[in-house]
Amino acid sequence: MDDPSRDAGTAARLIPLWLAEAAENDPRTAEAYRRAWEDGGRVLPEAAQELADWTTARVTDTGFNEDEGPIRPGPRITVADKEAVHRWLRAGGHRV
């Protein structure tokens, strides 16, 4: 069963990671996204799809063993985490 508060918690855990990685590629845009997040827990409309794509690309806990998939440094991101972020974004009115 979907739990909006759990989805929000998952988003709150992953968004800082996304923002840090985004800052490496485009510091100015990432700073605008970070301000929106820190000032009101918002994801700007233009950032929503980027966050959804990043979350999808960073799924690391797929059930594959080391020989079948890449190992990424950093936190484990599950398919359930990705789905939670996508639900959270949709609940906030974003199209993902």
PDB file of N, CA and C in Angstrom:
ATOM      1  N   MET A   1       0.845  -1.180   0.000  1.00  0.00           N
ATOM      2  CA  MET A   1       0.000   0.000   0.000  1.00  0.00           C
ATOM      3  C   MET A   1       0.888   1.242   0.000  1.00  0.00           C
ATOM      4  N   ASP A   2       0.523   2.228  -0.820  1.00  0.00           N
ATOM      5  CA  ASP A   2       1.281   3.466  -0.897  1.00  0.00           C
ATOM      6  C   ASP A   2       1.075   4.283   0.368  1.00  0.00           C
ATOM      7  N   ASP A   3       2.157   4.868   0.848  1.00  0.00           N
ATOM      8  CA  ASP A   3       2.124   5.678   2.056  1.00  0.00           C
ATOM      9  C   ASP A   3       2.747   7.031   1.718  1.00  0.00           C
ATOM     10  N   PRO A   4       1.919   8.082   1.591  1.00  0.00           N
ATOM     11  CA  PRO A   4       2.456   9.396   1.207  1.00  0.00           C
ATOM     12  C   PRO A   4       3.558   9.909   2.127  1.00  0.00           C
ATOM     13  N   SER A   5       3.446   9.648   3.423  1.00  0.00           N
ATOM     14  CA  SER A   5       4.494  10.134   4.328  1.00  0.00           C
ATOM     15  C   SER A   5       5.796   9.368   4.113  1.00  0.00           C
ATOM     16  N   ARG A   6       5.705   8.096   3.804  1.00  0.00           N
ATOM     17  CA  ARG A   6       6.902   7.311   3.513  1.00  0.00           C
ATOM     18  C   ARG A   6       7.519   7.771   2.185  1.00  0.00           C
ATOM     19  N   ASP A   7       6.658   8.055   1.207  1.00  0.00           N
ATOM     20  CA  ASP A   7       7.166   8.568  -0.070  1.00  0.00           C
ATOM     21  C   ASP A   7       7.893   9.891   0.141  1.00  0.00           C
ATOM     22  N   ALA A   8       7.328  10.773   0.954  1.00  0.00           N
ATOM     23  CA  ALA A   8       7.963  12.071   1.238  1.00  0.00           C
ATOM     24  C   ALA A   8       9.298  11.863   1.945  1.00  0.00           C
ATOM     25  N   GLY A   9       9.358  10.903   2.842  1.00  0.00           N
ATOM     26  CA  GLY A   9      10.613  10.612   3.535  1.00  0.00           C
ATOM     27  C   GLY A   9      11.678  10.099   2.586  1.00  0.00           C
ATOM     28  N   THR A  10      11.271   9.256   1.656  1.00  0.00           N
ATOM     29  CA  THR A  10      12.218   8.749   0.663  1.00  0.00           C
ATOM     30  C   THR A  10      12.728   9.893  -0.204  1.00  0.00           C
ATOM     31  N   ALA A  11      11.819  10.758  -0.635  1.00  0.00           N
ATOM     32  CA  ALA A  11      12.229  11.918  -1.432  1.00  0.00           C
ATOM     33  C   ALA A  11      13.190  12.798  -0.642  1.00  0.00           C
ATOM     34  N   ALA A  12      12.891  13.036   0.611  1.00  0.00           N
ATOM     35  CA  ALA A  12      13.747  13.884   1.448  1.00  0.00           C
ATOM     36  C   ALA A  12      15.136  13.263   1.632  1.00  0.00           C
ATOM     37  N   ARG A  13      15.221  11.956   1.598  1.00  0.00           N
ATOM     38  CA  ARG A  13      16.512  11.275   1.727  1.00  0.00           C
ATOM     39  C   ARG A  13      17.319  11.348   0.436  1.00  0.00           C
ATOM     40  N   LEU A  14      16.645  11.274  -0.715  1.00  0.00           N
ATOM     41  CA  LEU A  14      17.351  11.196  -1.990  1.00  0.00           C
ATOM     42  C   LEU A  14      17.605  12.547  -2.642  1.00  0.00           C
ATOM     43  N   ILE A  15      16.752  13.526  -2.407  1.00  0.00           N
ATOM     44  CA  ILE A  15      16.912  14.813  -3.077  1.00  0.00           C
ATOM     45  C   ILE A  15      18.262  15.464  -2.773  1.00  0.00           C
ATOM     46  N   PRO A  16      18.751  15.469  -1.533  1.00  0.00           N
ATOM     47  CA  PRO A  16      20.084  16.052  -1.307  1.00  0.00           C
ATOM     48  C   PRO A  16      21.188  15.351  -2.106  1.00  0.00           C
ATOM     49  N   LEU A  17      21.072  14.050  -2.302  1.00  0.00           N
ATOM     50  CA  LEU A  17      22.058  13.318  -3.102  1.00  0.00           C
ATOM     51  C   LEU A  17      21.995  13.761  -4.556  1.00  0.00           C
ATOM     52  N   TRP A  18      20.777  13.900  -5.075  1.00  0.00           N
ATOM     53  CA  TRP A  18      20.574  14.363  -6.443  1.00  0.00           C
ATOM     54  C   TRP A  18      21.123  15.774  -6.610  1.00  0.00           C
ATOM     55  N   LEU A  19      20.824  16.646  -5.658  1.00  0.00           N
ATOM     56  CA  LEU A  19      21.299  18.024  -5.747  1.00  0.00           C
ATOM     57  C   LEU A  19      22.828  18.090  -5.738  1.00  0.00           C
ATOM     58  N   ALA A  20      23.456  17.274  -4.908  1.00  0.00           N
ATOM     59  CA  ALA A  20      24.922  17.269  -4.860  1.00  0.00           C
ATOM     60  C   ALA A  20      25.510  16.827  -6.194  1.00  0.00           C
ATOM     61  N   GLU A  21      24.927  15.805  -6.791  1.00  0.00           N
ATOM     62  CA  GLU A  21      25.432  15.342  -8.082  1.00  0.00           C
ATOM     63  C   GLU A  21      25.144  16.377  -9.167  1.00  0.00           C
ATOM     64  N   ALA A  22      23.961  16.978  -9.122  1.00  0.00           N
ATOM     65  CA  ALA A  22      23.608  18.001 -10.112  1.00  0.00           C
ATOM     66  C   ALA A  22      24.560  19.186 -10.034  1.00  0.00           C
ATOM     67  N   ALA A  23      24.996  19.529  -8.823  1.00  0.00           N
ATOM     68  CA  ALA A  23      25.908  20.663  -8.642  1.00  0.00           C
ATOM     69  C   ALA A  23      27.252  20.418  -9.313  1.00  0.00           C
ATOM     70  N   GLU A  24      27.644  19.174  -9.446  1.00  0.00           N
ATOM     71  CA  GLU A  24      28.903  18.863 -10.127  1.00  0.00           C
ATOM     72  C   GLU A  24      28.807  19.155 -11.624  1.00  0.00           C
ATOM     73  N   ASN A  25      27.609  19.038 -12.183  1.00  0.00           N
ATOM     74  CA  ASN A  25      27.421  19.198 -13.623  1.00  0.00           C
ATOM     75  C   ASN A  25      26.963  20.599 -14.015  1.00  0.00           C
ATOM     76  N   ASP A  26      26.126  21.211 -13.198  1.00  0.00           N
ATOM     77  CA  ASP A  26      25.570  22.533 -13.511  1.00  0.00           C
ATOM     78  C   ASP A  26      25.312  23.271 -12.199  1.00  0.00           C
ATOM     79  N   PRO A  27      26.356  23.865 -11.636  1.00  0.00           N
ATOM     80  CA  PRO A  27      26.234  24.463 -10.298  1.00  0.00           C
ATOM     81  C   PRO A  27      25.145  25.524 -10.187  1.00  0.00           C
ATOM     82  N   ARG A  28      24.993  26.348 -11.182  1.00  0.00           N
ATOM     83  CA  ARG A  28      24.011  27.439 -11.089  1.00  0.00           C
ATOM     84  C   ARG A  28      22.583  26.909 -11.055  1.00  0.00           C
ATOM     85  N   THR A  29      22.278  25.983 -11.927  1.00  0.00           N
ATOM     86  CA  THR A  29      20.935  25.400 -11.943  1.00  0.00           C
ATOM     87  C   THR A  29      20.694  24.604 -10.667  1.00  0.00           C
ATOM     88  N   ALA A  30      21.673  23.840 -10.246  1.00  0.00           N
ATOM     89  CA  ALA A  30      21.524  23.054  -9.025  1.00  0.00           C
ATOM     90  C   ALA A  30      21.290  23.946  -7.821  1.00  0.00           C
ATOM     91  N   GLU A  31      21.920  25.102  -7.795  1.00  0.00           N
ATOM     92  CA  GLU A  31      21.718  26.032  -6.687  1.00  0.00           C
ATOM     93  C   GLU A  31      20.277  26.534  -6.658  1.00  0.00           C
ATOM     94  N   ALA A  32      19.697  26.829  -7.807  1.00  0.00           N
ATOM     95  CA  ALA A  32      18.289  27.250  -7.861  1.00  0.00           C
ATOM     96  C   ALA A  32      17.383  26.127  -7.367  1.00  0.00           C
ATOM     97  N   TYR A  33      17.675  24.903  -7.773  1.00  0.00           N
ATOM     98  CA  TYR A  33      16.889  23.756  -7.320  1.00  0.00           C
ATOM     99  C   TYR A  33      17.035  23.564  -5.811  1.00  0.00           C
ATOM    100  N   ARG A  34      18.271  23.710  -5.321  1.00  0.00           N
ATOM    101  CA  ARG A  34      18.522  23.546  -3.890  1.00  0.00           C
ATOM    102  C   ARG A  34      17.779  24.595  -3.073  1.00  0.00           C
ATOM    103  N   ARG A  35      17.794  25.847  -3.521  1.00  0.00           N
ATOM    104  CA  ARG A  35      17.078  26.918  -2.801  1.00  0.00           C
ATOM    105  C   ARG A  35      15.581  26.618  -2.716  1.00  0.00           C
ATOM    106  N   ALA A  36      15.002  26.180  -3.825  1.00  0.00           N
ATOM    107  CA  ALA A  36      13.570  25.851  -3.821  1.00  0.00           C
ATOM    108  C   ALA A  36      13.289  24.729  -2.837  1.00  0.00           C
ATOM    109  N   TRP A  37      14.170  23.724  -2.804  1.00  0.00           N
ATOM    110  CA  TRP A  37      13.983  22.594  -1.903  1.00  0.00           C
ATOM    111  C   TRP A  37      14.126  23.029  -0.451  1.00  0.00           C
ATOM    112  N   GLU A  38      15.173  23.775  -0.148  1.00  0.00           N
ATOM    113  CA  GLU A  38      15.423  24.165   1.242  1.00  0.00           C
ATOM    114  C   GLU A  38      14.443  25.221   1.738  1.00  0.00           C
ATOM    115  N   ASP A  39      13.945  26.051   0.847  1.00  0.00           N
ATOM    116  CA  ASP A  39      13.025  27.117   1.258  1.00  0.00           C
ATOM    117  C   ASP A  39      11.594  26.642   1.459  1.00  0.00           C
ATOM    118  N   GLY A  40      11.230  25.536   0.869  1.00  0.00           N
ATOM    119  CA  GLY A  40       9.851  25.116   1.029  1.00  0.00           C
ATOM    120  C   GLY A  40       9.583  23.670   0.697  1.00  0.00           C
ATOM    121  N   GLY A  41      10.638  22.889   0.556  1.00  0.00           N
ATOM    122  CA  GLY A  41      10.439  21.480   0.234  1.00  0.00           C
ATOM    123  C   GLY A  41       9.819  21.282  -1.135  1.00  0.00           C
ATOM    124  N   ARG A  42      10.099  22.231  -2.039  1.00  0.00           N
ATOM    125  CA  ARG A  42       9.518  22.157  -3.377  1.00  0.00           C
ATOM    126  C   ARG A  42      10.543  21.678  -4.391  1.00  0.00           C
ATOM    127  N   VAL A  43      10.037  21.006  -5.398  1.00  0.00           N
ATOM    128  CA  VAL A  43      10.837  20.687  -6.574  1.00  0.00           C
ATOM    129  C   VAL A  43      10.253  21.528  -7.695  1.00  0.00           C
ATOM    130  N   LEU A  44      11.099  22.350  -8.301  1.00  0.00           N
ATOM    131  CA  LEU A  44      10.638  23.202  -9.384  1.00  0.00           C
ATOM    132  C   LEU A  44      10.147  22.344 -10.541  1.00  0.00           C
ATOM    133  N   PRO A  45       9.134  22.828 -11.264  1.00  0.00           N
ATOM    134  CA  PRO A  45       8.588  22.027 -12.366  1.00  0.00           C
ATOM    135  C   PRO A  45       9.649  21.554 -13.356  1.00  0.00           C
ATOM    136  N   GLU A  46      10.592  22.425 -13.672  1.00  0.00           N
ATOM    137  CA  GLU A  46      11.623  22.041 -14.643  1.00  0.00           C
ATOM    138  C   GLU A  46      12.606  21.014 -14.067  1.00  0.00           C
ATOM    139  N   ALA A  47      12.600  20.821 -12.768  1.00  0.00           N
ATOM    140  CA  ALA A  47      13.504  19.870 -12.125  1.00  0.00           C
ATOM    141  C   ALA A  47      12.871  18.505 -11.911  1.00  0.00           C
ATOM    142  N   ALA A  48      11.562  18.434 -11.955  1.00  0.00           N
ATOM    143  CA  ALA A  48      10.867  17.193 -11.600  1.00  0.00           C
ATOM    144  C   ALA A  48      11.281  16.019 -12.475  1.00  0.00           C
ATOM    145  N   GLN A  49      11.315  16.203 -13.789  1.00  0.00           N
ATOM    146  CA  GLN A  49      11.684  15.097 -14.668  1.00  0.00           C
ATOM    147  C   GLN A  49      13.144  14.731 -14.485  1.00  0.00           C
ATOM    148  N   GLU A  50      13.991  15.731 -14.237  1.00  0.00           N
ATOM    149  CA  GLU A  50      15.404  15.439 -13.985  1.00  0.00           C
ATOM    150  C   GLU A  50      15.561  14.562 -12.743  1.00  0.00           C
ATOM    151  N   LEU A  51      14.826  14.900 -11.694  1.00  0.00           N
ATOM    152  CA  LEU A  51      14.879  14.094 -10.467  1.00  0.00           C
ATOM    153  C   LEU A  51      14.360  12.683 -10.732  1.00  0.00           C
ATOM    154  N   ALA A  52      13.257  12.575 -11.460  1.00  0.00           N
ATOM    155  CA  ALA A  52      12.703  11.252 -11.769  1.00  0.00           C
ATOM    156  C   ALA A  52      13.704  10.419 -12.570  1.00  0.00           C
ATOM    157  N   ASP A  53      14.329  11.042 -13.571  1.00  0.00           N
ATOM    158  CA  ASP A  53      15.308  10.315 -14.386  1.00  0.00           C
ATOM    159  C   ASP A  53      16.527   9.916 -13.565  1.00  0.00           C
ATOM    160  N   TRP A  54      16.998  10.843 -12.717  1.00  0.00           N
ATOM    161  CA  TRP A  54      18.165  10.549 -11.877  1.00  0.00           C
ATOM    162  C   TRP A  54      17.861   9.373 -10.962  1.00  0.00           C
ATOM    163  N   THR A  55      16.698   9.387 -10.342  1.00  0.00           N
ATOM    164  CA  THR A  55      16.336   8.315  -9.414  1.00  0.00           C
ATOM    165  C   THR A  55      16.287   6.975 -10.148  1.00  0.00           C
ATOM    166  N   THR A  56      15.711   6.978 -11.336  1.00  0.00           N
ATOM    167  CA  THR A  56      15.648   5.747 -12.128  1.00  0.00           C
ATOM    168  C   THR A  56      17.053   5.254 -12.469  1.00  0.00           C
ATOM    169  N   ALA A  57      17.921   6.162 -12.868  1.00  0.00           N
ATOM    170  CA  ALA A  57      19.275   5.786 -13.276  1.00  0.00           C
ATOM    171  C   ALA A  57      20.128   5.327 -12.105  1.00  0.00           C
ATOM    172  N   ARG A  58      19.785   5.718 -10.896  1.00  0.00           N
ATOM    173  CA  ARG A  58      20.615   5.406  -9.742  1.00  0.00           C
ATOM    174  C   ARG A  58      20.143   4.191  -8.961  1.00  0.00           C
ATOM    175  N   VAL A  59      19.141   3.491  -9.454  1.00  0.00           N
ATOM    176  CA  VAL A  59      18.718   2.272  -8.763  1.00  0.00           C
ATOM    177  C   VAL A  59      19.904   1.323  -8.719  1.00  0.00           C
ATOM    178  N   THR A  60      20.307   0.966  -7.504  1.00  0.00           N
ATOM    179  CA  THR A  60      21.471   0.093  -7.333  1.00  0.00           C
ATOM    180  C   THR A  60      21.111  -1.237  -6.695  1.00  0.00           C
ATOM    181  N   ASP A  61      19.973  -1.313  -6.078  1.00  0.00           N
ATOM    182  CA  ASP A  61      19.579  -2.535  -5.391  1.00  0.00           C
ATOM    183  C   ASP A  61      18.509  -3.223  -6.229  1.00  0.00           C
ATOM    184  N   THR A  62      18.969  -3.994  -7.219  1.00  0.00           N
ATOM    185  CA  THR A  62      18.052  -4.607  -8.175  1.00  0.00           C
ATOM    186  C   THR A  62      17.842  -6.089  -7.954  1.00  0.00           C
ATOM    187  N   GLY A  63      18.600  -6.665  -7.056  1.00  0.00           N
ATOM    188  CA  GLY A  63      18.518  -8.100  -6.858  1.00  0.00           C
ATOM    189  C   GLY A  63      19.532  -8.859  -7.692  1.00  0.00           C
ATOM    190  N   PHE A  64      20.247  -8.169  -8.581  1.00  0.00           N
ATOM    191  CA  PHE A  64      21.289  -8.825  -9.359  1.00  0.00           C
ATOM    192  C   PHE A  64      22.516  -9.014  -8.487  1.00  0.00           C
ATOM    193  N   ASN A  65      23.279 -10.028  -8.798  1.00  0.00           N
ATOM    194  CA  ASN A  65      24.539 -10.178  -8.069  1.00  0.00           C
ATOM    195  C   ASN A  65      25.613  -9.335  -8.745  1.00  0.00           C
ATOM    196  N   GLU A  66      26.796  -9.287  -8.167  1.00  0.00           N
ATOM    197  CA  GLU A  66      27.863  -8.418  -8.656  1.00  0.00           C
ATOM    198  C   GLU A  66      28.262  -8.713 -10.096  1.00  0.00           C
ATOM    199  N   ASP A  67      28.107  -9.937 -10.546  1.00  0.00           N
ATOM    200  CA  ASP A  67      28.486 -10.291 -11.912  1.00  0.00           C
ATOM    201  C   ASP A  67      27.458  -9.838 -12.942  1.00  0.00           C
ATOM    202  N   GLU A  68      26.260  -9.482 -12.513  1.00  0.00           N
ATOM    203  CA  GLU A  68      25.186  -9.158 -13.440  1.00  0.00           C
ATOM    204  C   GLU A  68      24.855  -7.674 -13.525  1.00  0.00           C
ATOM    205  N   GLY A  69      25.459  -6.864 -12.704  1.00  0.00           N
ATOM    206  CA  GLY A  69      25.102  -5.460 -12.745  1.00  0.00           C
ATOM    207  C   GLY A  69      26.188  -4.587 -12.168  1.00  0.00           C
ATOM    208  N   PRO A  70      26.098  -3.281 -12.429  1.00  0.00           N
ATOM    209  CA  PRO A  70      27.138  -2.375 -11.956  1.00  0.00           C
ATOM    210  C   PRO A  70      27.051  -2.150 -10.450  1.00  0.00           C
ATOM    211  N   ILE A  71      28.178  -1.882  -9.874  1.00  0.00           N
ATOM    212  CA  ILE A  71      28.256  -1.501  -8.460  1.00  0.00           C
ATOM    213  C   ILE A  71      28.540  -0.008  -8.427  1.00  0.00           C
ATOM    214  N   ARG A  72      27.708   0.735  -7.754  1.00  0.00           N
ATOM    215  CA  ARG A  72      27.892   2.172  -7.633  1.00  0.00           C
ATOM    216  C   ARG A  72      28.270   2.506  -6.207  1.00  0.00           C
ATOM    217  N   PRO A  73      29.163   3.449  -6.053  1.00  0.00           N
ATOM    218  CA  PRO A  73      29.442   3.916  -4.697  1.00  0.00           C
ATOM    219  C   PRO A  73      28.248   4.698  -4.174  1.00  0.00           C
ATOM    220  N   GLY A  74      28.146   4.782  -2.879  1.00  0.00           N
ATOM    221  CA  GLY A  74      27.066   5.576  -2.294  1.00  0.00           C
ATOM    222  C   GLY A  74      25.947   4.724  -1.758  1.00  0.00           C
ATOM    223  N   PRO A  75      24.859   5.384  -1.423  1.00  0.00           N
ATOM    224  CA  PRO A  75      23.743   4.683  -0.779  1.00  0.00           C
ATOM    225  C   PRO A  75      23.042   3.729  -1.737  1.00  0.00           C
ATOM    226  N   ARG A  76      22.399   2.737  -1.149  1.00  0.00           N
ATOM    227  CA  ARG A  76      21.596   1.805  -1.937  1.00  0.00           C
ATOM    228  C   ARG A  76      20.272   2.486  -2.287  1.00  0.00           C
ATOM    229  N   ILE A  77      19.914   2.455  -3.539  1.00  0.00           N
ATOM    230  CA  ILE A  77      18.634   3.002  -3.987  1.00  0.00           C
ATOM    231  C   ILE A  77      17.882   1.849  -4.634  1.00  0.00           C
ATOM    232  N   THR A  78      16.735   1.546  -4.081  1.00  0.00           N
ATOM    233  CA  THR A  78      15.958   0.401  -4.543  1.00  0.00           C
ATOM    234  C   THR A  78      14.935   0.821  -5.585  1.00  0.00           C
ATOM    235  N   VAL A  79      14.377  -0.171  -6.247  1.00  0.00           N
ATOM    236  CA  VAL A  79      13.275   0.084  -7.171  1.00  0.00           C
ATOM    237  C   VAL A  79      12.114   0.713  -6.402  1.00  0.00           C
ATOM    238  N   ALA A  80      11.888   0.262  -5.180  1.00  0.00           N
ATOM    239  CA  ALA A  80      10.820   0.843  -4.354  1.00  0.00           C
ATOM    240  C   ALA A  80      11.102   2.318  -4.040  1.00  0.00           C
ATOM    241  N   ASP A  81      12.374   2.665  -3.809  1.00  0.00           N
ATOM    242  CA  ASP A  81      12.729   4.069  -3.600  1.00  0.00           C
ATOM    243  C   ASP A  81      12.384   4.897  -4.840  1.00  0.00           C
ATOM    244  N   LYS A  82      12.754   4.385  -6.000  1.00  0.00           N
ATOM    245  CA  LYS A  82      12.454   5.081  -7.259  1.00  0.00           C
ATOM    246  C   LYS A  82      10.957   5.282  -7.406  1.00  0.00           C
ATOM    247  N   GLU A  83      10.197   4.238  -7.169  1.00  0.00           N
ATOM    248  CA  GLU A  83       8.744   4.345  -7.290  1.00  0.00           C
ATOM    249  C   GLU A  83       8.179   5.346  -6.290  1.00  0.00           C
ATOM    250  N   ALA A  84       8.723   5.375  -5.086  1.00  0.00           N
ATOM    251  CA  ALA A  84       8.260   6.323  -4.067  1.00  0.00           C
ATOM    252  C   ALA A  84       8.508   7.763  -4.507  1.00  0.00           C
ATOM    253  N   VAL A  85       9.684   8.026  -5.059  1.00  0.00           N
ATOM    254  CA  VAL A  85       9.984   9.384  -5.534  1.00  0.00           C
ATOM    255  C   VAL A  85       9.050   9.750  -6.686  1.00  0.00           C
ATOM    256  N   HIS A  86       8.823   8.828  -7.597  1.00  0.00           N
ATOM    257  CA  HIS A  86       7.917   9.104  -8.720  1.00  0.00           C
ATOM    258  C   HIS A  86       6.500   9.389  -8.210  1.00  0.00           C
ATOM    259  N   ARG A  87       6.016   8.592  -7.258  1.00  0.00           N
ATOM    260  CA  ARG A  87       4.681   8.851  -6.688  1.00  0.00           C
ATOM    261  C   ARG A  87       4.630  10.207  -6.010  1.00  0.00           C
ATOM    262  N   TRP A  88       5.692  10.527  -5.243  1.00  0.00           N
ATOM    263  CA  TRP A  88       5.752  11.796  -4.521  1.00  0.00           C
ATOM    264  C   TRP A  88       5.706  12.964  -5.507  1.00  0.00           C
ATOM    265  N   LEU A  89       6.459  12.855  -6.601  1.00  0.00           N
ATOM    266  CA  LEU A  89       6.436  13.906  -7.606  1.00  0.00           C
ATOM    267  C   LEU A  89       5.041  14.037  -8.238  1.00  0.00           C
ATOM    268  N   ARG A  90       4.418  12.913  -8.579  1.00  0.00           N
ATOM    269  CA  ARG A  90       3.073  12.962  -9.172  1.00  0.00           C
ATOM    270  C   ARG A  90       2.075  13.548  -8.184  1.00  0.00           C
ATOM    271  N   ALA A  91       2.195  13.183  -6.916  1.00  0.00           N
ATOM    272  CA  ALA A  91       1.281  13.729  -5.890  1.00  0.00           C
ATOM    273  C   ALA A  91       1.441  15.242  -5.764  1.00  0.00           C
ATOM    274  N   GLY A  92       2.634  15.744  -6.098  1.00  0.00           N
ATOM    275  CA  GLY A  92       2.897  17.186  -6.066  1.00  0.00           C
ATOM    276  C   GLY A  92       2.495  17.877  -7.354  1.00  0.00           C
ATOM    277  N   GLY A  93       1.848  17.155  -8.254  1.00  0.00           N
ATOM    278  CA  GLY A  93       1.362  17.755  -9.495  1.00  0.00           C
ATOM    279  C   GLY A  93       2.326  17.706 -10.650  1.00  0.00           C
ATOM    280  N   HIS A  94       3.435  17.006 -10.496  1.00  0.00           N
ATOM    281  CA  HIS A  94       4.432  16.917 -11.579  1.00  0.00           C
ATOM    282  C   HIS A  94       4.114  15.735 -12.486  1.00  0.00           C
ATOM    283  N   ARG A  95       4.405  15.909 -13.746  1.00  0.00           N
ATOM    284  CA  ARG A  95       4.260  14.804 -14.704  1.00  0.00           C
ATOM    285  C   ARG A  95       5.595  14.115 -14.837  1.00  0.00           C
ATOM    286  N   VAL A  96       5.627  12.845 -14.522  1.00  0.00           N
ATOM    287  CA  VAL A  96       6.852  12.060 -14.661  1.00  0.00           C
ATOM    288  C   VAL A  96       6.542  10.756 -15.364  1.00  0.00           C
TER     289      VAL A  96
END
